[in-house]
Amino acid sequence: MSYYTSIYRKWATGQIIIFAHKTDKGDSFIGFGIIGTTREFADLSEEEKRLCEQHGWKTAIDLTFMKKFSKPLPVKETFLAETLRRGKFLHGLALDDSQIRELLSQAGE
């Protein structure tokens, strides 16, 4: 499974990505994935390059593992509620290991 992004960051093998989406309870965390490898635009297939150009993506992140939470975890029920980050402002938010562990624990993972 590949995830395409426009965020420039030093992605690392084994790093966890948390996925968020709007749900009936508002912005919610819906799952997570573990990075296997990353590929820059120049290393993508022609089909992937066309897709990335259409959406403004720059990097493909190949996930070794991906899991959807059994139920969405609303952002407003997490430590991020105080930051007032919502919608597109959650995209690319850097979290430290303890924050990721807390979200996964709260989601029951």
N, C-alpha and C. Protein backbone atom coordinates (compact mmCIF):
# COMPACT_ATOMS: atom_id res chain seq x y z
N MET A 1 0.85 -1.17 0.00
CA MET A 1 0.00 0.00 0.00
C MET A 1 0.89 1.23 0.00
N SER A 2 0.58 2.17 -0.86
CA SER A 2 1.34 3.42 -0.93
C SER A 2 0.46 4.60 -0.54
N TYR A 3 1.06 5.56 0.14
CA TYR A 3 0.41 6.80 0.53
C TYR A 3 1.23 7.91 -0.11
N TYR A 4 0.56 8.80 -0.82
CA TYR A 4 1.24 9.88 -1.52
C TYR A 4 1.05 11.18 -0.74
N THR A 5 2.11 11.98 -0.66
CA THR A 5 2.04 13.20 0.12
C THR A 5 2.81 14.33 -0.53
N SER A 6 2.44 15.55 -0.19
CA SER A 6 3.16 16.73 -0.65
C SER A 6 4.03 17.30 0.46
N ILE A 7 4.03 16.65 1.61
CA ILE A 7 4.80 17.13 2.75
C ILE A 7 6.26 16.73 2.61
N TYR A 8 7.14 17.74 2.72
CA TYR A 8 8.57 17.46 2.71
C TYR A 8 9.00 17.18 4.14
N ARG A 9 9.53 16.00 4.35
CA ARG A 9 9.97 15.61 5.68
C ARG A 9 10.98 14.47 5.50
N LYS A 10 11.81 14.28 6.48
CA LYS A 10 12.72 13.14 6.45
C LYS A 10 11.95 11.94 7.00
N TRP A 11 11.32 11.20 6.11
CA TRP A 11 10.56 10.02 6.49
C TRP A 11 11.53 8.89 6.81
N ALA A 12 11.19 8.08 7.81
CA ALA A 12 12.09 7.01 8.24
C ALA A 12 11.36 5.67 8.27
N THR A 13 12.07 4.62 7.88
CA THR A 13 11.53 3.26 7.97
C THR A 13 11.13 2.99 9.42
N GLY A 14 9.93 2.44 9.59
CA GLY A 14 9.43 2.13 10.92
C GLY A 14 8.63 3.25 11.56
N GLN A 15 8.67 4.44 10.97
CA GLN A 15 7.93 5.58 11.50
C GLN A 15 6.42 5.32 11.34
N ILE A 16 5.64 5.80 12.29
CA ILE A 16 4.19 5.61 12.26
C ILE A 16 3.51 6.86 11.72
N ILE A 17 2.54 6.64 10.85
CA ILE A 17 1.71 7.70 10.31
C ILE A 17 0.30 7.48 10.84
N ILE A 18 -0.32 8.53 11.37
CA ILE A 18 -1.70 8.46 11.86
C ILE A 18 -2.60 9.10 10.80
N PHE A 19 -3.66 8.41 10.42
CA PHE A 19 -4.58 8.92 9.41
C PHE A 19 -5.79 9.58 10.06
N ALA A 20 -6.18 10.74 9.54
CA ALA A 20 -7.35 11.47 10.05
C ALA A 20 -8.33 11.69 8.90
N HIS A 21 -9.60 11.80 9.26
CA HIS A 21 -10.65 12.02 8.27
C HIS A 21 -11.84 12.64 8.98
N LYS A 22 -12.65 13.35 8.24
CA LYS A 22 -13.88 13.91 8.81
C LYS A 22 -14.90 12.77 8.93
N THR A 23 -15.50 12.64 10.11
CA THR A 23 -16.53 11.63 10.36
C THR A 23 -17.78 12.32 10.90
N ASP A 24 -18.79 11.54 11.21
CA ASP A 24 -20.01 12.13 11.78
C ASP A 24 -19.76 12.73 13.17
N LYS A 25 -18.63 12.42 13.80
CA LYS A 25 -18.27 13.00 15.10
C LYS A 25 -17.26 14.13 14.95
N GLY A 26 -17.04 14.58 13.73
CA GLY A 26 -16.05 15.62 13.46
C GLY A 26 -14.73 15.01 13.01
N ASP A 27 -13.70 15.83 12.95
CA ASP A 27 -12.38 15.33 12.55
C ASP A 27 -11.96 14.24 13.52
N SER A 28 -11.55 13.10 12.95
CA SER A 28 -11.22 11.94 13.78
C SER A 28 -10.01 11.21 13.22
N PHE A 29 -9.30 10.55 14.12
CA PHE A 29 -8.22 9.65 13.71
C PHE A 29 -8.89 8.32 13.37
N ILE A 30 -8.54 7.78 12.21
CA ILE A 30 -9.23 6.58 11.73
C ILE A 30 -8.33 5.36 11.57
N GLY A 31 -7.03 5.53 11.69
CA GLY A 31 -6.12 4.41 11.54
C GLY A 31 -4.67 4.85 11.53
N PHE A 32 -3.80 3.89 11.28
CA PHE A 32 -2.37 4.20 11.24
C PHE A 32 -1.64 3.25 10.30
N GLY A 33 -0.45 3.64 9.93
CA GLY A 33 0.39 2.82 9.08
C GLY A 33 1.84 2.93 9.51
N ILE A 34 2.65 1.96 9.08
CA ILE A 34 4.08 1.95 9.39
C ILE A 34 4.85 2.05 8.08
N ILE A 35 5.77 2.99 8.03
CA ILE A 35 6.55 3.25 6.82
C ILE A 35 7.56 2.13 6.57
N GLY A 36 7.57 1.67 5.33
CA GLY A 36 8.59 0.72 4.89
C GLY A 36 9.69 1.47 4.14
N THR A 37 9.32 2.04 2.99
CA THR A 37 10.26 2.81 2.19
C THR A 37 9.56 4.06 1.66
N THR A 38 10.36 5.00 1.16
CA THR A 38 9.80 6.18 0.51
C THR A 38 10.44 6.31 -0.87
N ARG A 39 9.67 6.90 -1.79
CA ARG A 39 10.17 7.13 -3.14
C ARG A 39 9.87 8.57 -3.53
N GLU A 40 10.90 9.26 -3.99
CA GLU A 40 10.73 10.64 -4.45
C GLU A 40 10.13 10.64 -5.85
N PHE A 41 9.66 11.79 -6.29
CA PHE A 41 8.96 11.93 -7.56
C PHE A 41 9.74 11.31 -8.72
N ALA A 42 11.03 11.54 -8.80
CA ALA A 42 11.86 11.03 -9.90
C ALA A 42 11.88 9.51 -9.96
N ASP A 43 11.61 8.85 -8.84
CA ASP A 43 11.67 7.39 -8.76
C ASP A 43 10.32 6.72 -9.01
N LEU A 44 9.29 7.50 -9.26
CA LEU A 44 7.95 6.94 -9.46
C LEU A 44 7.74 6.47 -10.88
N SER A 45 6.78 5.58 -11.07
CA SER A 45 6.42 5.13 -12.42
C SER A 45 5.73 6.30 -13.15
N GLU A 46 5.62 6.19 -14.45
CA GLU A 46 4.97 7.26 -15.22
C GLU A 46 3.52 7.46 -14.79
N GLU A 47 2.83 6.37 -14.50
CA GLU A 47 1.44 6.46 -14.05
C GLU A 47 1.36 7.19 -12.70
N GLU A 48 2.28 6.84 -11.78
CA GLU A 48 2.29 7.51 -10.48
C GLU A 48 2.64 8.99 -10.62
N LYS A 49 3.56 9.30 -11.52
CA LYS A 49 3.93 10.70 -11.74
C LYS A 49 2.74 11.51 -12.22
N ARG A 50 1.96 10.96 -13.14
CA ARG A 50 0.77 11.67 -13.64
C ARG A 50 -0.21 11.92 -12.49
N LEU A 51 -0.45 10.91 -11.68
CA LEU A 51 -1.36 11.03 -10.55
C LEU A 51 -0.85 12.09 -9.56
N CYS A 52 0.44 12.06 -9.27
CA CYS A 52 1.03 13.02 -8.34
C CYS A 52 0.96 14.45 -8.88
N GLU A 53 1.19 14.62 -10.18
CA GLU A 53 1.11 15.95 -10.77
C GLU A 53 -0.31 16.51 -10.66
N GLN A 54 -1.31 15.67 -10.81
CA GLN A 54 -2.70 16.10 -10.71
C GLN A 54 -3.04 16.60 -9.31
N HIS A 55 -2.42 16.00 -8.29
CA HIS A 55 -2.77 16.32 -6.91
C HIS A 55 -1.72 17.12 -6.15
N GLY A 56 -0.58 17.38 -6.77
CA GLY A 56 0.47 18.14 -6.12
C GLY A 56 1.31 17.34 -5.13
N TRP A 57 1.31 16.02 -5.28
CA TRP A 57 2.07 15.17 -4.38
C TRP A 57 3.52 15.08 -4.83
N LYS A 58 4.42 14.85 -3.90
CA LYS A 58 5.87 14.82 -4.21
C LYS A 58 6.54 13.50 -3.84
N THR A 59 5.95 12.77 -2.90
CA THR A 59 6.60 11.57 -2.36
C THR A 59 5.60 10.44 -2.22
N ALA A 60 6.05 9.22 -2.50
CA ALA A 60 5.25 8.02 -2.24
C ALA A 60 5.83 7.34 -1.01
N ILE A 61 4.96 7.05 -0.07
CA ILE A 61 5.37 6.35 1.14
C ILE A 61 4.77 4.95 1.07
N ASP A 62 5.64 3.95 1.00
CA ASP A 62 5.19 2.56 0.94
C ASP A 62 5.07 2.03 2.36
N LEU A 63 3.87 1.62 2.72
CA LEU A 63 3.59 1.16 4.07
C LEU A 63 3.77 -0.36 4.18
N THR A 64 4.39 -0.80 5.25
CA THR A 64 4.55 -2.24 5.48
C THR A 64 3.36 -2.79 6.25
N PHE A 65 2.63 -1.88 6.91
CA PHE A 65 1.49 -2.29 7.72
C PHE A 65 0.51 -1.12 7.76
N MET A 66 -0.77 -1.43 7.70
CA MET A 66 -1.78 -0.40 7.81
C MET A 66 -2.99 -1.01 8.51
N LYS A 67 -3.58 -0.26 9.45
CA LYS A 67 -4.74 -0.76 10.18
C LYS A 67 -5.74 0.36 10.40
N LYS A 68 -6.99 0.04 10.17
CA LYS A 68 -8.08 0.97 10.44
C LYS A 68 -8.53 0.73 11.88
N PHE A 69 -8.77 1.82 12.63
CA PHE A 69 -9.27 1.68 14.00
C PHE A 69 -10.67 1.08 13.97
N SER A 70 -11.02 0.33 14.99
CA SER A 70 -12.35 -0.29 15.06
C SER A 70 -13.44 0.78 15.10
N LYS A 71 -13.13 1.93 15.72
CA LYS A 71 -14.03 3.08 15.67
C LYS A 71 -13.19 4.35 15.64
N PRO A 72 -13.64 5.37 14.93
CA PRO A 72 -12.87 6.61 14.84
C PRO A 72 -12.65 7.24 16.22
N LEU A 73 -11.50 7.87 16.38
CA LEU A 73 -11.16 8.57 17.61
C LEU A 73 -11.25 10.08 17.33
N PRO A 74 -12.32 10.74 17.80
CA PRO A 74 -12.46 12.18 17.53
C PRO A 74 -11.29 12.99 18.09
N VAL A 75 -10.79 13.91 17.30
CA VAL A 75 -9.68 14.76 17.72
C VAL A 75 -10.06 15.51 18.99
N LYS A 76 -11.32 15.92 19.11
CA LYS A 76 -11.75 16.70 20.28
C LYS A 76 -11.72 15.89 21.57
N GLU A 77 -11.50 14.57 21.47
CA GLU A 77 -11.39 13.72 22.66
C GLU A 77 -9.94 13.35 22.97
N THR A 78 -9.00 14.02 22.33
CA THR A 78 -7.58 13.74 22.53
C THR A 78 -6.87 14.98 23.07
N PHE A 79 -5.58 14.83 23.35
CA PHE A 79 -4.78 15.96 23.82
C PHE A 79 -4.71 17.08 22.80
N LEU A 80 -5.05 16.81 21.55
CA LEU A 80 -5.02 17.84 20.51
C LEU A 80 -6.23 18.76 20.56
N ALA A 81 -7.22 18.46 21.39
CA ALA A 81 -8.42 19.29 21.49
C ALA A 81 -8.05 20.72 21.89
N GLU A 82 -7.06 20.86 22.75
CA GLU A 82 -6.65 22.18 23.23
C GLU A 82 -5.93 23.01 22.18
N THR A 83 -5.37 22.37 21.17
CA THR A 83 -4.61 23.10 20.15
C THR A 83 -5.50 23.74 19.11
N LEU A 84 -6.75 23.31 19.05
CA LEU A 84 -7.72 23.82 18.07
C LEU A 84 -7.32 23.51 16.63
N ARG A 85 -6.44 22.53 16.45
CA ARG A 85 -6.09 22.11 15.08
C ARG A 85 -7.22 21.26 14.53
N ARG A 86 -7.68 21.63 13.35
CA ARG A 86 -8.75 20.89 12.70
C ARG A 86 -8.49 20.86 11.20
N GLY A 87 -9.18 19.96 10.53
CA GLY A 87 -9.13 19.90 9.07
C GLY A 87 -7.73 19.84 8.52
N LYS A 88 -7.46 20.69 7.53
CA LYS A 88 -6.16 20.65 6.84
C LYS A 88 -4.99 20.96 7.76
N PHE A 89 -5.25 21.55 8.92
CA PHE A 89 -4.16 21.88 9.84
C PHE A 89 -3.67 20.66 10.62
N LEU A 90 -4.38 19.55 10.50
CA LEU A 90 -3.89 18.29 11.08
C LEU A 90 -2.89 17.63 10.14
N HIS A 91 -3.01 17.91 8.84
CA HIS A 91 -2.16 17.29 7.83
C HIS A 91 -0.70 17.69 8.06
N GLY A 92 0.13 16.69 8.23
CA GLY A 92 1.56 16.94 8.41
C GLY A 92 1.98 17.30 9.81
N LEU A 93 1.05 17.28 10.75
CA LEU A 93 1.38 17.59 12.14
C LEU A 93 2.39 16.57 12.67
N ALA A 94 3.51 17.05 13.15
CA ALA A 94 4.54 16.16 13.70
C ALA A 94 4.20 15.83 15.15
N LEU A 95 4.16 14.55 15.45
CA LEU A 95 3.90 14.07 16.80
C LEU A 95 5.12 13.30 17.29
N ASP A 96 5.42 13.40 18.58
CA ASP A 96 6.54 12.63 19.11
C ASP A 96 6.05 11.22 19.47
N ASP A 97 6.97 10.35 19.82
CA ASP A 97 6.64 8.95 20.11
C ASP A 97 5.61 8.80 21.23
N SER A 98 5.73 9.61 22.28
CA SER A 98 4.79 9.48 23.39
C SER A 98 3.38 9.92 22.96
N GLN A 99 3.28 10.92 22.12
CA GLN A 99 1.98 11.36 21.63
C GLN A 99 1.34 10.30 20.73
N ILE A 100 2.14 9.66 19.90
CA ILE A 100 1.64 8.59 19.04
C ILE A 100 1.17 7.41 19.89
N ARG A 101 1.97 7.03 20.88
CA ARG A 101 1.57 5.93 21.77
C ARG A 101 0.26 6.26 22.48
N GLU A 102 0.11 7.51 22.91
CA GLU A 102 -1.11 7.93 23.59
C GLU A 102 -2.33 7.82 22.66
N LEU A 103 -2.19 8.27 21.43
CA LEU A 103 -3.31 8.18 20.47
C LEU A 103 -3.67 6.73 20.18
N LEU A 104 -2.64 5.90 19.96
CA LEU A 104 -2.90 4.49 19.66
C LEU A 104 -3.56 3.80 20.85
N SER A 105 -3.12 4.13 22.05
CA SER A 105 -3.70 3.55 23.25
C SER A 105 -5.16 3.99 23.41
N GLN A 106 -5.38 5.26 23.20
CA GLN A 106 -6.73 5.80 23.31
C GLN A 106 -7.67 5.19 22.27
N ALA A 107 -7.13 4.87 21.11
CA ALA A 107 -7.93 4.24 20.05
C ALA A 107 -8.12 2.74 20.28
N GLY A 108 -7.43 2.22 21.29
CA GLY A 108 -7.56 0.79 21.61
C GLY A 108 -6.64 -0.09 20.80
N GLU A 109 -5.55 0.50 20.31
CA GLU A 109 -4.59 -0.28 19.50
C GLU A 109 -3.35 -0.61 20.30
